[in-house]
Amino acid sequence: MLSGLSWVSAPLLMAATTATFFLGQTLPVSVIVALTDGGAVRRIWTNIAQMSFPYYVVSAGVTSMVNSVGQHSGWLAAVIVLPLMYVIYRSYRLYFARAVQAVSQPLAMAANAGGRS
Protein backbone atom coordinates (compact mmCIF):
# COMPACT_ATOMS: atom_id res chain seq x y z
CA MET A 1 0.00 0.00 0.00
CA LEU A 2 2.78 2.45 0.90
CA SER A 3 5.35 1.10 -1.56
CA GLY A 4 5.64 4.49 -3.30
CA LEU A 5 6.32 6.14 0.06
CA SER A 6 9.18 3.91 1.19
CA TRP A 7 11.11 6.96 2.44
CA VAL A 8 8.39 7.73 5.01
CA SER A 9 8.41 5.81 8.28
CA ALA A 10 5.15 4.43 9.63
CA PRO A 11 5.23 6.47 12.87
CA LEU A 12 5.90 9.69 10.93
CA LEU A 13 3.04 8.89 8.57
CA MET A 14 0.73 8.18 11.52
CA ALA A 15 1.68 11.47 13.20
CA ALA A 16 1.13 13.43 9.99
CA THR A 17 -2.22 11.74 9.39
CA THR A 18 -3.36 12.40 12.95
CA ALA A 19 -2.30 16.05 12.77
CA THR A 20 -4.10 16.49 9.46
CA PHE A 21 -7.23 14.84 10.78
CA PHE A 22 -7.07 16.90 14.00
CA LEU A 23 -6.73 20.19 12.13
CA GLY A 24 -9.34 19.17 9.58
CA GLN A 25 -11.84 18.41 12.34
CA THR A 26 -11.18 21.31 14.71
CA LEU A 27 -10.41 24.31 12.48
CA PRO A 28 -13.71 24.33 10.56
CA VAL A 29 -15.66 23.93 13.79
CA SER A 30 -13.87 26.86 15.40
CA VAL A 31 -14.48 29.04 12.32
CA ILE A 32 -18.18 28.17 12.29
CA VAL A 33 -18.53 28.82 16.03
CA ALA A 34 -16.73 32.15 15.65
CA LEU A 35 -19.01 33.16 12.78
CA THR A 36 -22.22 32.19 14.56
CA ASP A 37 -21.46 33.18 18.16
CA GLY A 38 -18.79 35.79 17.61
CA GLY A 39 -15.34 35.66 19.07
CA ALA A 40 -11.81 35.04 17.95
CA VAL A 41 -11.19 31.91 15.90
CA ARG A 42 -7.81 31.40 17.55
CA ARG A 43 -9.25 31.47 21.08
CA ILE A 44 -12.10 29.14 20.16
CA TRP A 45 -9.75 26.74 18.38
CA THR A 46 -7.39 26.74 21.37
CA ASN A 47 -10.27 25.80 23.69
CA ILE A 48 -11.39 23.01 21.37
CA ALA A 49 -7.82 21.78 20.93
CA GLN A 50 -7.17 21.66 24.68
CA MET A 51 -10.24 19.51 25.20
CA SER A 52 -9.87 17.12 22.29
CA PHE A 53 -6.12 16.80 21.58
CA PRO A 54 -5.49 14.06 24.18
CA TYR A 55 -8.18 11.91 22.58
CA TYR A 56 -6.62 12.29 19.15
CA VAL A 57 -3.22 11.26 20.54
CA VAL A 58 -4.68 8.22 22.32
CA SER A 59 -6.64 7.24 19.22
CA ALA A 60 -3.49 7.47 17.08
CA GLY A 61 -1.64 5.32 19.60
CA VAL A 62 -4.38 2.68 19.62
CA THR A 63 -4.49 2.73 15.82
CA SER A 64 -0.74 2.32 15.64
CA MET A 65 -0.80 -0.59 18.09
CA VAL A 66 -3.62 -2.32 16.23
CA ASN A 67 -1.78 -1.85 12.94
CA SER A 68 1.47 -3.25 14.33
CA VAL A 69 -0.12 -6.22 16.04
CA GLY A 70 -2.49 -6.79 13.12
CA GLN A 71 0.41 -7.28 10.74
CA HIS A 72 1.60 -10.18 12.88
CA SER A 73 -1.58 -11.75 14.21
CA GLY A 74 -4.25 -10.76 11.68
CA TRP A 75 -7.75 -9.49 12.26
CA LEU A 76 -7.95 -10.95 15.79
CA ALA A 77 -5.97 -7.97 17.14
CA ALA A 78 -8.69 -5.55 16.03
CA VAL A 79 -11.34 -7.61 17.80
CA ILE A 80 -9.30 -7.74 21.00
CA VAL A 81 -8.79 -3.96 20.97
CA LEU A 82 -12.51 -3.15 20.58
CA PRO A 83 -13.13 -2.95 24.37
CA LEU A 84 -10.26 -0.45 24.72
CA MET A 85 -11.68 1.65 21.90
CA TYR A 86 -15.11 1.59 23.56
CA VAL A 87 -13.63 2.77 26.88
CA ILE A 88 -11.94 5.68 25.08
CA TYR A 89 -15.21 6.55 23.35
CA ARG A 90 -17.16 6.47 26.64
CA SER A 91 -14.50 8.59 28.35
CA TYR A 92 -14.74 11.16 25.56
CA ARG A 93 -18.54 11.27 25.79
CA LEU A 94 -18.57 11.58 29.59
CA TYR A 95 -15.90 14.28 29.57
CA PHE A 96 -17.79 16.45 27.12
CA ALA A 97 -21.15 15.82 28.80
CA ARG A 98 -19.65 17.10 32.05
CA ALA A 99 -18.07 20.06 30.26
CA VAL A 100 -21.41 21.02 28.71
CA GLN A 101 -23.14 20.63 32.06
CA ALA A 102 -20.51 22.77 33.78
CA VAL A 103 -21.07 25.52 31.23
CA SER A 104 -24.84 25.30 30.93
CA GLN A 105 -25.61 25.09 34.65
CA PRO A 106 -24.25 28.57 35.54
CA LEU A 107 -25.91 30.01 32.44
CA ALA A 108 -29.27 28.54 33.46
CA MET A 109 -28.84 29.86 37.01
CA ALA A 110 -28.00 33.33 35.68
CA ALA A 111 -31.04 33.25 33.40
CA ASN A 112 -33.27 32.23 36.31
CA ALA A 113 -31.82 34.93 38.54
CA GLY A 114 -32.30 37.54 35.81
CA GLY A 115 -35.91 36.50 35.33
CA ARG A 116 -36.76 36.93 39.03
CA SER A 117 -35.82 40.60 39.23
C-alpha atoms as a PDB file:
ATOM      1  CA  MET A   1       0.000   0.000   0.000  1.00  0.00           C
ATOM      2  CA  LEU A   2       2.777   2.452   0.897  1.00  0.00           C
ATOM      3  CA  SER A   3       5.351   1.103  -1.556  1.00  0.00           C
ATOM      4  CA  GLY A   4       5.644   4.490  -3.296  1.00  0.00           C
ATOM      5  CA  LEU A   5       6.317   6.143   0.060  1.00  0.00           C
ATOM      6  CA  SER A   6       9.178   3.913   1.192  1.00  0.00           C
ATOM      7  CA  TRP A   7      11.114   6.964   2.436  1.00  0.00           C
ATOM      8  CA  VAL A   8       8.391   7.730   5.010  1.00  0.00           C
ATOM      9  CA  SER A   9       8.413   5.813   8.275  1.00  0.00           C
ATOM     10  CA  ALA A  10       5.148   4.431   9.628  1.00  0.00           C
ATOM     11  CA  PRO A  11       5.235   6.473  12.865  1.00  0.00           C
ATOM     12  CA  LEU A  12       5.896   9.687  10.932  1.00  0.00           C
ATOM     13  CA  LEU A  13       3.042   8.894   8.572  1.00  0.00           C
ATOM     14  CA  MET A  14       0.734   8.175  11.522  1.00  0.00           C
ATOM     15  CA  ALA A  15       1.683  11.468  13.201  1.00  0.00           C
ATOM     16  CA  ALA A  16       1.127  13.431   9.990  1.00  0.00           C
ATOM     17  CA  THR A  17      -2.215  11.737   9.385  1.00  0.00           C
ATOM     18  CA  THR A  18      -3.355  12.398  12.951  1.00  0.00           C
ATOM     19  CA  ALA A  19      -2.299  16.048  12.772  1.00  0.00           C
ATOM     20  CA  THR A  20      -4.096  16.495   9.457  1.00  0.00           C
ATOM     21  CA  PHE A  21      -7.233  14.845  10.784  1.00  0.00           C
ATOM     22  CA  PHE A  22      -7.070  16.899  14.000  1.00  0.00           C
ATOM     23  CA  LEU A  23      -6.729  20.192  12.131  1.00  0.00           C
ATOM     24  CA  GLY A  24      -9.344  19.167   9.583  1.00  0.00           C
ATOM     25  CA  GLN A  25     -11.836  18.407  12.337  1.00  0.00           C
ATOM     26  CA  THR A  26     -11.176  21.313  14.710  1.00  0.00           C
ATOM     27  CA  LEU A  27     -10.411  24.313  12.483  1.00  0.00           C
ATOM     28  CA  PRO A  28     -13.706  24.328  10.556  1.00  0.00           C
ATOM     29  CA  VAL A  29     -15.656  23.926  13.790  1.00  0.00           C
ATOM     30  CA  SER A  30     -13.874  26.860  15.405  1.00  0.00           C
ATOM     31  CA  VAL A  31     -14.476  29.040  12.325  1.00  0.00           C
ATOM     32  CA  ILE A  32     -18.185  28.168  12.295  1.00  0.00           C
ATOM     33  CA  VAL A  33     -18.533  28.824  16.029  1.00  0.00           C
ATOM     34  CA  ALA A  34     -16.728  32.146  15.652  1.00  0.00           C
ATOM     35  CA  LEU A  35     -19.007  33.160  12.782  1.00  0.00           C
ATOM     36  CA  THR A  36     -22.221  32.185  14.561  1.00  0.00           C
ATOM     37  CA  ASP A  37     -21.463  33.179  18.157  1.00  0.00           C
ATOM     38  CA  GLY A  38     -18.793  35.790  17.613  1.00  0.00           C
ATOM     39  CA  GLY A  39     -15.338  35.656  19.067  1.00  0.00           C
ATOM     40  CA  ALA A  40     -11.807  35.045  17.950  1.00  0.00           C
ATOM     41  CA  VAL A  41     -11.192  31.908  15.896  1.00  0.00           C
ATOM     42  CA  ARG A  42      -7.812  31.401  17.546  1.00  0.00           C
ATOM     43  CA  ARG A  43      -9.247  31.469  21.081  1.00  0.00           C
ATOM     44  CA  ILE A  44     -12.104  29.145  20.165  1.00  0.00           C
ATOM     45  CA  TRP A  45      -9.752  26.737  18.383  1.00  0.00           C
ATOM     46  CA  THR A  46      -7.392  26.742  21.373  1.00  0.00           C
ATOM     47  CA  ASN A  47     -10.267  25.800  23.689  1.00  0.00           C
ATOM     48  CA  ILE A  48     -11.385  23.014  21.371  1.00  0.00           C
ATOM     49  CA  ALA A  49      -7.819  21.785  20.933  1.00  0.00           C
ATOM     50  CA  GLN A  50      -7.166  21.664  24.681  1.00  0.00           C
ATOM     51  CA  MET A  51     -10.245  19.514  25.202  1.00  0.00           C
ATOM     52  CA  SER A  52      -9.865  17.120  22.286  1.00  0.00           C
ATOM     53  CA  PHE A  53      -6.116  16.802  21.581  1.00  0.00           C
ATOM     54  CA  PRO A  54      -5.489  14.057  24.182  1.00  0.00           C
ATOM     55  CA  TYR A  55      -8.180  11.912  22.577  1.00  0.00           C
ATOM     56  CA  TYR A  56      -6.616  12.288  19.145  1.00  0.00           C
ATOM     57  CA  VAL A  57      -3.222  11.256  20.543  1.00  0.00           C
ATOM     58  CA  VAL A  58      -4.680   8.218  22.321  1.00  0.00           C
ATOM     59  CA  SER A  59      -6.641   7.240  19.225  1.00  0.00           C
ATOM     60  CA  ALA A  60      -3.494   7.474  17.078  1.00  0.00           C
ATOM     61  CA  GLY A  61      -1.638   5.323  19.597  1.00  0.00           C
ATOM     62  CA  VAL A  62      -4.375   2.682  19.621  1.00  0.00           C
ATOM     63  CA  THR A  63      -4.493   2.725  15.824  1.00  0.00           C
ATOM     64  CA  SER A  64      -0.737   2.323  15.637  1.00  0.00           C
ATOM     65  CA  MET A  65      -0.800  -0.594  18.088  1.00  0.00           C
ATOM     66  CA  VAL A  66      -3.623  -2.319  16.227  1.00  0.00           C
ATOM     67  CA  ASN A  67      -1.782  -1.847  12.938  1.00  0.00           C
ATOM     68  CA  SER A  68       1.467  -3.246  14.335  1.00  0.00           C
ATOM     69  CA  VAL A  69      -0.124  -6.220  16.040  1.00  0.00           C
ATOM     70  CA  GLY A  70      -2.495  -6.787  13.122  1.00  0.00           C
ATOM     71  CA  GLN A  71       0.409  -7.278  10.745  1.00  0.00           C
ATOM     72  CA  HIS A  72       1.604 -10.176  12.885  1.00  0.00           C
ATOM     73  CA  SER A  73      -1.582 -11.754  14.208  1.00  0.00           C
ATOM     74  CA  GLY A  74      -4.250 -10.760  11.679  1.00  0.00           C
ATOM     75  CA  TRP A  75      -7.752  -9.488  12.263  1.00  0.00           C
ATOM     76  CA  LEU A  76      -7.954 -10.948  15.794  1.00  0.00           C
ATOM     77  CA  ALA A  77      -5.972  -7.967  17.140  1.00  0.00           C
ATOM     78  CA  ALA A  78      -8.689  -5.553  16.034  1.00  0.00           C
ATOM     79  CA  VAL A  79     -11.342  -7.606  17.797  1.00  0.00           C
ATOM     80  CA  ILE A  80      -9.305  -7.739  20.998  1.00  0.00           C
ATOM     81  CA  VAL A  81      -8.790  -3.957  20.974  1.00  0.00           C
ATOM     82  CA  LEU A  82     -12.508  -3.150  20.582  1.00  0.00           C
ATOM     83  CA  PRO A  83     -13.135  -2.948  24.366  1.00  0.00           C
ATOM     84  CA  LEU A  84     -10.263  -0.455  24.717  1.00  0.00           C
ATOM     85  CA  MET A  85     -11.681   1.648  21.900  1.00  0.00           C
ATOM     86  CA  TYR A  86     -15.109   1.593  23.557  1.00  0.00           C
ATOM     87  CA  VAL A  87     -13.629   2.772  26.883  1.00  0.00           C
ATOM     88  CA  ILE A  88     -11.939   5.683  25.079  1.00  0.00           C
ATOM     89  CA  TYR A  89     -15.211   6.547  23.354  1.00  0.00           C
ATOM     90  CA  ARG A  90     -17.161   6.473  26.637  1.00  0.00           C
ATOM     91  CA  SER A  91     -14.497   8.588  28.349  1.00  0.00           C
ATOM     92  CA  TYR A  92     -14.740  11.156  25.559  1.00  0.00           C
ATOM     93  CA  ARG A  93     -18.545  11.270  25.785  1.00  0.00           C
ATOM     94  CA  LEU A  94     -18.575  11.584  29.593  1.00  0.00           C
ATOM     95  CA  TYR A  95     -15.897  14.281  29.574  1.00  0.00           C
ATOM     96  CA  PHE A  96     -17.791  16.455  27.121  1.00  0.00           C
ATOM     97  CA  ALA A  97     -21.147  15.817  28.801  1.00  0.00           C
ATOM     98  CA  ARG A  98     -19.648  17.100  32.046  1.00  0.00           C
ATOM     99  CA  ALA A  99     -18.073  20.062  30.259  1.00  0.00           C
ATOM    100  CA  VAL A 100     -21.407  21.020  28.706  1.00  0.00           C
ATOM    101  CA  GLN A 101     -23.142  20.630  32.057  1.00  0.00           C
ATOM    102  CA  ALA A 102     -20.508  22.773  33.783  1.00  0.00           C
ATOM    103  CA  VAL A 103     -21.067  25.524  31.227  1.00  0.00           C
ATOM    104  CA  SER A 104     -24.842  25.298  30.932  1.00  0.00           C
ATOM    105  CA  GLN A 105     -25.615  25.095  34.649  1.00  0.00           C
ATOM    106  CA  PRO A 106     -24.247  28.575  35.539  1.00  0.00           C
ATOM    107  CA  LEU A 107     -25.912  30.013  32.443  1.00  0.00           C
ATOM    108  CA  ALA A 108     -29.269  28.541  33.465  1.00  0.00           C
ATOM    109  CA  MET A 109     -28.841  29.859  37.013  1.00  0.00           C
ATOM    110  CA  ALA A 110     -27.998  33.327  35.679  1.00  0.00           C
ATOM    111  CA  ALA A 111     -31.040  33.254  33.404  1.00  0.00           C
ATOM    112  CA  ASN A 112     -33.267  32.233  36.308  1.00  0.00           C
ATOM    113  CA  ALA A 113     -31.817  34.934  38.544  1.00  0.00           C
ATOM    114  CA  GLY A 114     -32.296  37.538  35.809  1.00  0.00           C
ATOM    115  CA  GLY A 115     -35.913  36.504  35.327  1.00  0.00           C
ATOM    116  CA  ARG A 116     -36.757  36.931  39.031  1.00  0.00           C
ATOM    117  CA  SER A 117     -35.822  40.595  39.228  1.00  0.00           C
END
